[in-house]
Amino acid sequence: MKYKLVILDWDGTVMDTVPKIVNTINMVADQYSIPRETEEKTKSIIGLSLETALETLFPAHAHRSAELATTYKHIYKEVDTTPTYLFEGVEKVLKVLTSAGVKVAVATGKSRVGLNRLLDETNLANYFVTTRTADDAESKPSPDMLNQIMAELGISPSDAVMIGDTTIDMEMARGAKVDAIGITLGVASGTQLEAAGATFIANQFEQLIGGLC
């Protein structure tokens, strides 16, 4: 393997949650009589911490971002029924990496509570040596999450890679001076991810192995 450390985004990378996120944001907008944004623009803020995402998407309502975020969390967990699932091949790839002695981590814009819930539900927690969420570090695209993970594990940027589905993930990787791999299962296209700095593009999760070997 090329890397000692593989850091994965969650939404749109490990798990197909993008449709649920978009639908939940639309439901928040409806509840507060805020005009919905286009699907493309709504998807573009996925990966940011929740309040930052809502402030970016609805700048006229930035003063109430905490309230909107609370409503979002309630709707996401208790109201919206859009199904979410792991992308095909996720556990297979995680087994390959861990069997090869590669450390695997998560850097996500999700909350700590949200990530922990999904780690439990998917039974994937044991594959990850550490995780960072929007509650633990500065919001993407700041490199803070990646820098924290590398410092904790004692791994240099040259031995690490960030894998994500958004240009925000690619920008975060550049800031941390780590390689970036794009995956087209979530938000951005391969062309967009390459333009943002991805050195390899995967269209299916199992194709990631080709960029890691």
C-alpha atoms as a PDB file:
ATOM      1  CA  MET A   1       0.000   0.000   0.000  1.00  0.00           C
ATOM      2  CA  LYS A   2       1.167   3.558  -0.767  1.00  0.00           C
ATOM      3  CA  TYR A   3      -0.064   5.001   2.527  1.00  0.00           C
ATOM      4  CA  LYS A   4       0.154   4.274   6.233  1.00  0.00           C
ATOM      5  CA  LEU A   5      -3.028   6.236   6.926  1.00  0.00           C
ATOM      6  CA  VAL A   6      -6.276   6.448   4.948  1.00  0.00           C
ATOM      7  CA  ILE A   7      -8.764   9.086   6.108  1.00  0.00           C
ATOM      8  CA  LEU A   8     -12.341   8.791   4.878  1.00  0.00           C
ATOM      9  CA  ASP A   9     -15.129  11.299   4.684  1.00  0.00           C
ATOM     10  CA  TRP A  10     -18.493   9.776   5.671  1.00  0.00           C
ATOM     11  CA  ASP A  11     -21.488  11.370   3.903  1.00  0.00           C
ATOM     12  CA  GLY A  12     -21.446  10.501   0.211  1.00  0.00           C
ATOM     13  CA  THR A  13     -18.202   8.553   0.607  1.00  0.00           C
ATOM     14  CA  VAL A  14     -18.829   5.667   2.999  1.00  0.00           C
ATOM     15  CA  MET A  15     -22.601   6.025   3.237  1.00  0.00           C
ATOM     16  CA  ASP A  16     -25.298   7.148   0.821  1.00  0.00           C
ATOM     17  CA  THR A  17     -26.737   9.923   2.976  1.00  0.00           C
ATOM     18  CA  VAL A  18     -26.751  12.797   0.478  1.00  0.00           C
ATOM     19  CA  PRO A  19     -30.440  12.441  -0.572  1.00  0.00           C
ATOM     20  CA  LYS A  20     -31.501  12.398   3.092  1.00  0.00           C
ATOM     21  CA  ILE A  21     -29.378  15.459   3.898  1.00  0.00           C
ATOM     22  CA  VAL A  22     -30.827  17.399   0.952  1.00  0.00           C
ATOM     23  CA  ASN A  23     -34.389  16.419   1.840  1.00  0.00           C
ATOM     24  CA  THR A  24     -33.884  17.347   5.490  1.00  0.00           C
ATOM     25  CA  ILE A  25     -32.493  20.768   4.574  1.00  0.00           C
ATOM     26  CA  ASN A  26     -35.499  21.339   2.318  1.00  0.00           C
ATOM     27  CA  MET A  27     -37.838  20.408   5.169  1.00  0.00           C
ATOM     28  CA  VAL A  28     -36.046  22.876   7.461  1.00  0.00           C
ATOM     29  CA  ALA A  29     -36.445  25.591   4.838  1.00  0.00           C
ATOM     30  CA  ASP A  30     -40.145  24.808   4.475  1.00  0.00           C
ATOM     31  CA  GLN A  31     -40.691  24.901   8.231  1.00  0.00           C
ATOM     32  CA  TYR A  32     -39.208  28.398   8.450  1.00  0.00           C
ATOM     33  CA  SER A  33     -40.739  29.619   5.167  1.00  0.00           C
ATOM     34  CA  ILE A  34     -37.269  30.005   3.646  1.00  0.00           C
ATOM     35  CA  PRO A  35     -37.139  29.554  -0.138  1.00  0.00           C
ATOM     36  CA  ARG A  36     -35.492  26.258  -1.030  1.00  0.00           C
ATOM     37  CA  GLU A  37     -32.166  26.410  -2.832  1.00  0.00           C
ATOM     38  CA  THR A  38     -31.405  24.322  -5.900  1.00  0.00           C
ATOM     39  CA  GLU A  39     -30.337  20.745  -5.356  1.00  0.00           C
ATOM     40  CA  GLU A  40     -26.883  21.548  -6.748  1.00  0.00           C
ATOM     41  CA  LYS A  41     -26.356  24.433  -4.339  1.00  0.00           C
ATOM     42  CA  THR A  42     -27.719  22.441  -1.410  1.00  0.00           C
ATOM     43  CA  LYS A  43     -25.364  19.567  -2.171  1.00  0.00           C
ATOM     44  CA  SER A  44     -22.442  21.982  -2.401  1.00  0.00           C
ATOM     45  CA  ILE A  45     -22.491  22.708   1.342  1.00  0.00           C
ATOM     46  CA  ILE A  46     -22.437  19.043   2.376  1.00  0.00           C
ATOM     47  CA  GLY A  47     -19.252  18.406   4.317  1.00  0.00           C
ATOM     48  CA  LEU A  48     -19.244  21.692   6.190  1.00  0.00           C
ATOM     49  CA  SER A  49     -20.172  21.636   9.866  1.00  0.00           C
ATOM     50  CA  LEU A  50     -23.946  21.917  10.217  1.00  0.00           C
ATOM     51  CA  GLU A  51     -24.251  25.528  11.377  1.00  0.00           C
ATOM     52  CA  THR A  52     -21.634  26.680   8.866  1.00  0.00           C
ATOM     53  CA  ALA A  53     -23.502  24.823   6.116  1.00  0.00           C
ATOM     54  CA  LEU A  54     -26.825  26.427   7.003  1.00  0.00           C
ATOM     55  CA  GLU A  55     -25.254  29.883   7.280  1.00  0.00           C
ATOM     56  CA  THR A  56     -23.668  29.411   3.854  1.00  0.00           C
ATOM     57  CA  LEU A  57     -26.860  28.153   2.244  1.00  0.00           C
ATOM     58  CA  PHE A  58     -29.220  30.629   3.908  1.00  0.00           C
ATOM     59  CA  PRO A  59     -27.093  33.732   4.658  1.00  0.00           C
ATOM     60  CA  ALA A  60     -30.117  35.923   5.382  1.00  0.00           C
ATOM     61  CA  HIS A  61     -30.894  33.610   8.301  1.00  0.00           C
ATOM     62  CA  ALA A  62     -27.346  33.249   9.642  1.00  0.00           C
ATOM     63  CA  HIS A  63     -28.414  34.866  12.918  1.00  0.00           C
ATOM     64  CA  ARG A  64     -30.628  31.858  13.650  1.00  0.00           C
ATOM     65  CA  SER A  65     -28.266  29.126  12.429  1.00  0.00           C
ATOM     66  CA  ALA A  66     -28.196  27.408  15.830  1.00  0.00           C
ATOM     67  CA  GLU A  67     -32.000  27.183  15.823  1.00  0.00           C
ATOM     68  CA  LEU A  68     -32.034  25.884  12.258  1.00  0.00           C
ATOM     69  CA  ALA A  69     -29.382  23.308  13.163  1.00  0.00           C
ATOM     70  CA  THR A  70     -31.445  22.039  16.106  1.00  0.00           C
ATOM     71  CA  THR A  71     -34.465  21.685  13.847  1.00  0.00           C
ATOM     72  CA  TYR A  72     -32.345  19.917  11.228  1.00  0.00           C
ATOM     73  CA  LYS A  73     -31.132  17.340  13.767  1.00  0.00           C
ATOM     74  CA  HIS A  74     -34.679  16.616  14.896  1.00  0.00           C
ATOM     75  CA  ILE A  75     -36.001  16.234  11.346  1.00  0.00           C
ATOM     76  CA  TYR A  76     -33.025  14.129  10.210  1.00  0.00           C
ATOM     77  CA  LYS A  77     -33.377  11.671  13.072  1.00  0.00           C
ATOM     78  CA  GLU A  78     -37.098  11.675  13.839  1.00  0.00           C
ATOM     79  CA  VAL A  79     -39.058  12.886  10.801  1.00  0.00           C
ATOM     80  CA  ASP A  80     -37.394  12.307   7.431  1.00  0.00           C
ATOM     81  CA  THR A  81     -37.671   8.718   6.215  1.00  0.00           C
ATOM     82  CA  THR A  82     -35.252   8.818   3.269  1.00  0.00           C
ATOM     83  CA  PRO A  83     -33.265   5.551   3.487  1.00  0.00           C
ATOM     84  CA  THR A  84     -29.502   5.571   3.960  1.00  0.00           C
ATOM     85  CA  TYR A  85     -27.120   2.698   3.418  1.00  0.00           C
ATOM     86  CA  LEU A  86     -23.444   1.847   3.117  1.00  0.00           C
ATOM     87  CA  PHE A  87     -22.092   1.897  -0.401  1.00  0.00           C
ATOM     88  CA  GLU A  88     -21.358  -1.509  -1.864  1.00  0.00           C
ATOM     89  CA  GLY A  89     -17.871  -2.754  -1.064  1.00  0.00           C
ATOM     90  CA  VAL A  90     -17.175  -0.552   1.952  1.00  0.00           C
ATOM     91  CA  GLU A  91     -16.530  -3.296   4.472  1.00  0.00           C
ATOM     92  CA  LYS A  92     -14.551  -5.329   1.948  1.00  0.00           C
ATOM     93  CA  VAL A  93     -12.165  -2.421   1.347  1.00  0.00           C
ATOM     94  CA  LEU A  94     -11.866  -1.691   5.073  1.00  0.00           C
ATOM     95  CA  LYS A  95     -10.903  -5.333   5.669  1.00  0.00           C
ATOM     96  CA  VAL A  96      -8.250  -5.170   2.937  1.00  0.00           C
ATOM     97  CA  LEU A  97      -6.736  -2.009   4.392  1.00  0.00           C
ATOM     98  CA  THR A  98      -6.692  -3.114   8.012  1.00  0.00           C
ATOM     99  CA  SER A  99      -5.347  -6.562   7.066  1.00  0.00           C
ATOM    100  CA  ALA A 100      -2.481  -4.772   5.299  1.00  0.00           C
ATOM    101  CA  GLY A 101      -1.686  -2.816   8.454  1.00  0.00           C
ATOM    102  CA  VAL A 102      -3.026   0.487   7.135  1.00  0.00           C
ATOM    103  CA  LYS A 103      -4.591   2.758   9.741  1.00  0.00           C
ATOM    104  CA  VAL A 104      -8.056   4.005   8.768  1.00  0.00           C
ATOM    105  CA  ALA A 105      -9.744   7.101  10.186  1.00  0.00           C
ATOM    106  CA  VAL A 106     -12.804   9.276   9.561  1.00  0.00           C
ATOM    107  CA  ALA A 107     -12.969  13.057   9.088  1.00  0.00           C
ATOM    108  CA  THR A 108     -16.562  14.203   8.737  1.00  0.00           C
ATOM    109  CA  GLY A 109     -18.757  17.257   9.001  1.00  0.00           C
ATOM    110  CA  LYS A 110     -21.254  15.187  10.978  1.00  0.00           C
ATOM    111  CA  SER A 111     -21.728  15.747  14.686  1.00  0.00           C
ATOM    112  CA  ARG A 112     -20.055  13.436  17.195  1.00  0.00           C
ATOM    113  CA  VAL A 113     -23.423  12.030  18.251  1.00  0.00           C
ATOM    114  CA  GLY A 114     -24.439  11.482  14.635  1.00  0.00           C
ATOM    115  CA  LEU A 115     -21.232   9.717  13.635  1.00  0.00           C
ATOM    116  CA  ASN A 116     -21.192   7.515  16.726  1.00  0.00           C
ATOM    117  CA  ARG A 117     -24.788   6.462  16.066  1.00  0.00           C
ATOM    118  CA  LEU A 118     -23.952   5.430  12.503  1.00  0.00           C
ATOM    119  CA  LEU A 119     -20.761   3.642  13.537  1.00  0.00           C
ATOM    120  CA  ASP A 120     -22.861   1.568  15.928  1.00  0.00           C
ATOM    121  CA  GLU A 121     -25.638   0.943  13.393  1.00  0.00           C
ATOM    122  CA  THR A 122     -23.221  -0.151  10.659  1.00  0.00           C
ATOM    123  CA  ASN A 123     -20.912  -2.163  12.946  1.00  0.00           C
ATOM    124  CA  LEU A 124     -17.884  -0.446  11.394  1.00  0.00           C
ATOM    125  CA  ALA A 125     -16.445   1.215  14.497  1.00  0.00           C
ATOM    126  CA  ASN A 126     -13.675  -1.360  14.986  1.00  0.00           C
ATOM    127  CA  TYR A 127     -12.157  -0.590  11.579  1.00  0.00           C
ATOM    128  CA  PHE A 128     -11.295   3.005  12.509  1.00  0.00           C
ATOM    129  CA  VAL A 129      -8.382   3.871  14.775  1.00  0.00           C
ATOM    130  CA  THR A 130      -9.677   7.399  15.347  1.00  0.00           C
ATOM    131  CA  THR A 131     -12.341   9.808  14.090  1.00  0.00           C
ATOM    132  CA  ARG A 132     -12.897  13.550  13.943  1.00  0.00           C
ATOM    133  CA  THR A 133     -16.208  15.364  13.588  1.00  0.00           C
ATOM    134  CA  ALA A 134     -17.401  18.939  13.356  1.00  0.00           C
ATOM    135  CA  ASP A 135     -17.643  18.904  17.167  1.00  0.00           C
ATOM    136  CA  ASP A 136     -13.956  18.053  17.554  1.00  0.00           C
ATOM    137  CA  ALA A 137     -12.265  20.405  15.088  1.00  0.00           C
ATOM    138  CA  GLU A 138     -12.679  23.412  12.845  1.00  0.00           C
ATOM    139  CA  SER A 139     -15.150  22.955  10.005  1.00  0.00           C
ATOM    140  CA  LYS A 140     -13.917  21.702   6.673  1.00  0.00           C
ATOM    141  CA  PRO A 141     -12.233  22.915   4.523  1.00  0.00           C
ATOM    142  CA  SER A 142      -9.881  23.817   7.367  1.00  0.00           C
ATOM    143  CA  PRO A 143      -7.188  21.105   7.579  1.00  0.00           C
ATOM    144  CA  ASP A 144      -7.661  20.938  11.360  1.00  0.00           C
ATOM    145  CA  MET A 145      -9.327  17.500  11.359  1.00  0.00           C
ATOM    146  CA  LEU A 146      -6.563  15.957   9.272  1.00  0.00           C
ATOM    147  CA  ASN A 147      -3.812  17.660  11.244  1.00  0.00           C
ATOM    148  CA  GLN A 148      -5.316  16.409  14.508  1.00  0.00           C
ATOM    149  CA  ILE A 149      -5.557  12.846  13.208  1.00  0.00           C
ATOM    150  CA  MET A 150      -1.987  12.805  11.895  1.00  0.00           C
ATOM    151  CA  ALA A 151      -0.642  14.322  15.124  1.00  0.00           C
ATOM    152  CA  GLU A 152      -2.495  11.754  17.229  1.00  0.00           C
ATOM    153  CA  LEU A 153      -1.186   8.834  15.183  1.00  0.00           C
ATOM    154  CA  GLY A 154       2.300  10.200  14.562  1.00  0.00           C
ATOM    155  CA  ILE A 155       1.975   9.963  10.788  1.00  0.00           C
ATOM    156  CA  SER A 156       3.427  12.510   8.359  1.00  0.00           C
ATOM    157  CA  PRO A 157       1.404  14.089   5.520  1.00  0.00           C
ATOM    158  CA  SER A 158       3.421  12.197   2.909  1.00  0.00           C
ATOM    159  CA  ASP A 159       2.136   8.910   4.374  1.00  0.00           C
ATOM    160  CA  ALA A 160      -1.542   9.928   4.499  1.00  0.00           C
ATOM    161  CA  VAL A 161      -4.387  10.291   2.014  1.00  0.00           C
ATOM    162  CA  MET A 162      -7.846  11.861   2.250  1.00  0.00           C
ATOM    163  CA  ILE A 163     -10.759  10.236   0.404  1.00  0.00           C
ATOM    164  CA  GLY A 164     -13.947  12.204  -0.170  1.00  0.00           C
ATOM    165  CA  ASP A 165     -16.781  13.032  -2.538  1.00  0.00           C
ATOM    166  CA  THR A 166     -16.685  16.838  -2.354  1.00  0.00           C
ATOM    167  CA  THR A 167     -14.372  19.618  -3.486  1.00  0.00           C
ATOM    168  CA  ILE A 168     -14.415  20.682   0.181  1.00  0.00           C
ATOM    169  CA  ASP A 169     -12.642  17.403   1.034  1.00  0.00           C
ATOM    170  CA  MET A 170     -10.077  18.019  -1.691  1.00  0.00           C
ATOM    171  CA  GLU A 171      -9.432  21.541  -0.397  1.00  0.00           C
ATOM    172  CA  MET A 172      -9.000  20.234   3.150  1.00  0.00           C
ATOM    173  CA  ALA A 173      -6.450  17.707   1.893  1.00  0.00           C
ATOM    174  CA  ARG A 174      -4.486  20.438   0.116  1.00  0.00           C
ATOM    175  CA  GLY A 175      -4.429  22.488   3.302  1.00  0.00           C
ATOM    176  CA  ALA A 176      -3.016  19.552   5.238  1.00  0.00           C
ATOM    177  CA  LYS A 177      -0.533  18.738   2.431  1.00  0.00           C
ATOM    178  CA  VAL A 178      -1.858  15.190   2.036  1.00  0.00           C
ATOM    179  CA  ASP A 179      -2.821  13.407  -1.177  1.00  0.00           C
ATOM    180  CA  ALA A 180      -6.493  13.432  -2.118  1.00  0.00           C
ATOM    181  CA  ILE A 181      -8.587  10.742  -3.778  1.00  0.00           C
ATOM    182  CA  GLY A 182     -12.045  11.549  -5.097  1.00  0.00           C
ATOM    183  CA  ILE A 183     -15.058   9.251  -5.190  1.00  0.00           C
ATOM    184  CA  THR A 184     -18.078  10.048  -7.348  1.00  0.00           C
ATOM    185  CA  LEU A 185     -20.761   8.338  -5.263  1.00  0.00           C
ATOM    186  CA  GLY A 186     -21.909  11.504  -3.504  1.00  0.00           C
ATOM    187  CA  VAL A 187     -21.770  15.170  -4.459  1.00  0.00           C
ATOM    188  CA  ALA A 188     -19.099  16.070  -7.001  1.00  0.00           C
ATOM    189  CA  SER A 189     -18.274  14.708 -10.448  1.00  0.00           C
ATOM    190  CA  GLY A 190     -14.925  13.226 -11.360  1.00  0.00           C
ATOM    191  CA  THR A 191     -14.102  16.336 -13.369  1.00  0.00           C
ATOM    192  CA  GLN A 192     -14.884  18.581 -10.397  1.00  0.00           C
ATOM    193  CA  LEU A 193     -12.848  16.427  -8.026  1.00  0.00           C
ATOM    194  CA  GLU A 194      -9.849  16.332 -10.372  1.00  0.00           C
ATOM    195  CA  ALA A 195      -9.980  20.105 -10.784  1.00  0.00           C
ATOM    196  CA  ALA A 196      -9.971  20.416  -6.977  1.00  0.00           C
ATOM    197  CA  GLY A 197      -6.822  18.318  -6.673  1.00  0.00           C
ATOM    198  CA  ALA A 198      -7.787  14.641  -6.621  1.00  0.00           C
ATOM    199  CA  THR A 199      -4.925  12.439  -7.851  1.00  0.00           C
ATOM    200  CA  PHE A 200      -7.197   9.435  -8.431  1.00  0.00           C
ATOM    201  CA  ILE A 201     -10.925   9.062  -9.081  1.00  0.00           C
ATOM    202  CA  ALA A 202     -13.059   6.079  -8.045  1.00  0.00           C
ATOM    203  CA  ASN A 203     -16.575   5.568  -9.344  1.00  0.00           C
ATOM    204  CA  GLN A 204     -17.200   2.597  -7.068  1.00  0.00           C
ATOM    205  CA  PHE A 205     -15.909   2.051  -3.547  1.00  0.00           C
ATOM    206  CA  GLU A 206     -13.877  -1.030  -4.403  1.00  0.00           C
ATOM    207  CA  GLN A 207     -12.037   0.963  -7.087  1.00  0.00           C
ATOM    208  CA  LEU A 208     -10.345   2.901  -4.289  1.00  0.00           C
ATOM    209  CA  ILE A 209      -7.881   0.036  -3.889  1.00  0.00           C
ATOM    210  CA  GLY A 210      -6.424   0.969  -7.273  1.00  0.00           C
ATOM    211  CA  GLY A 211      -5.501   4.410  -5.951  1.00  0.00           C
ATOM    212  CA  LEU A 212      -4.121   3.092  -2.681  1.00  0.00           C
ATOM    213  CA  CYS A 213      -1.811   0.337  -3.954  1.00  0.00           C
END
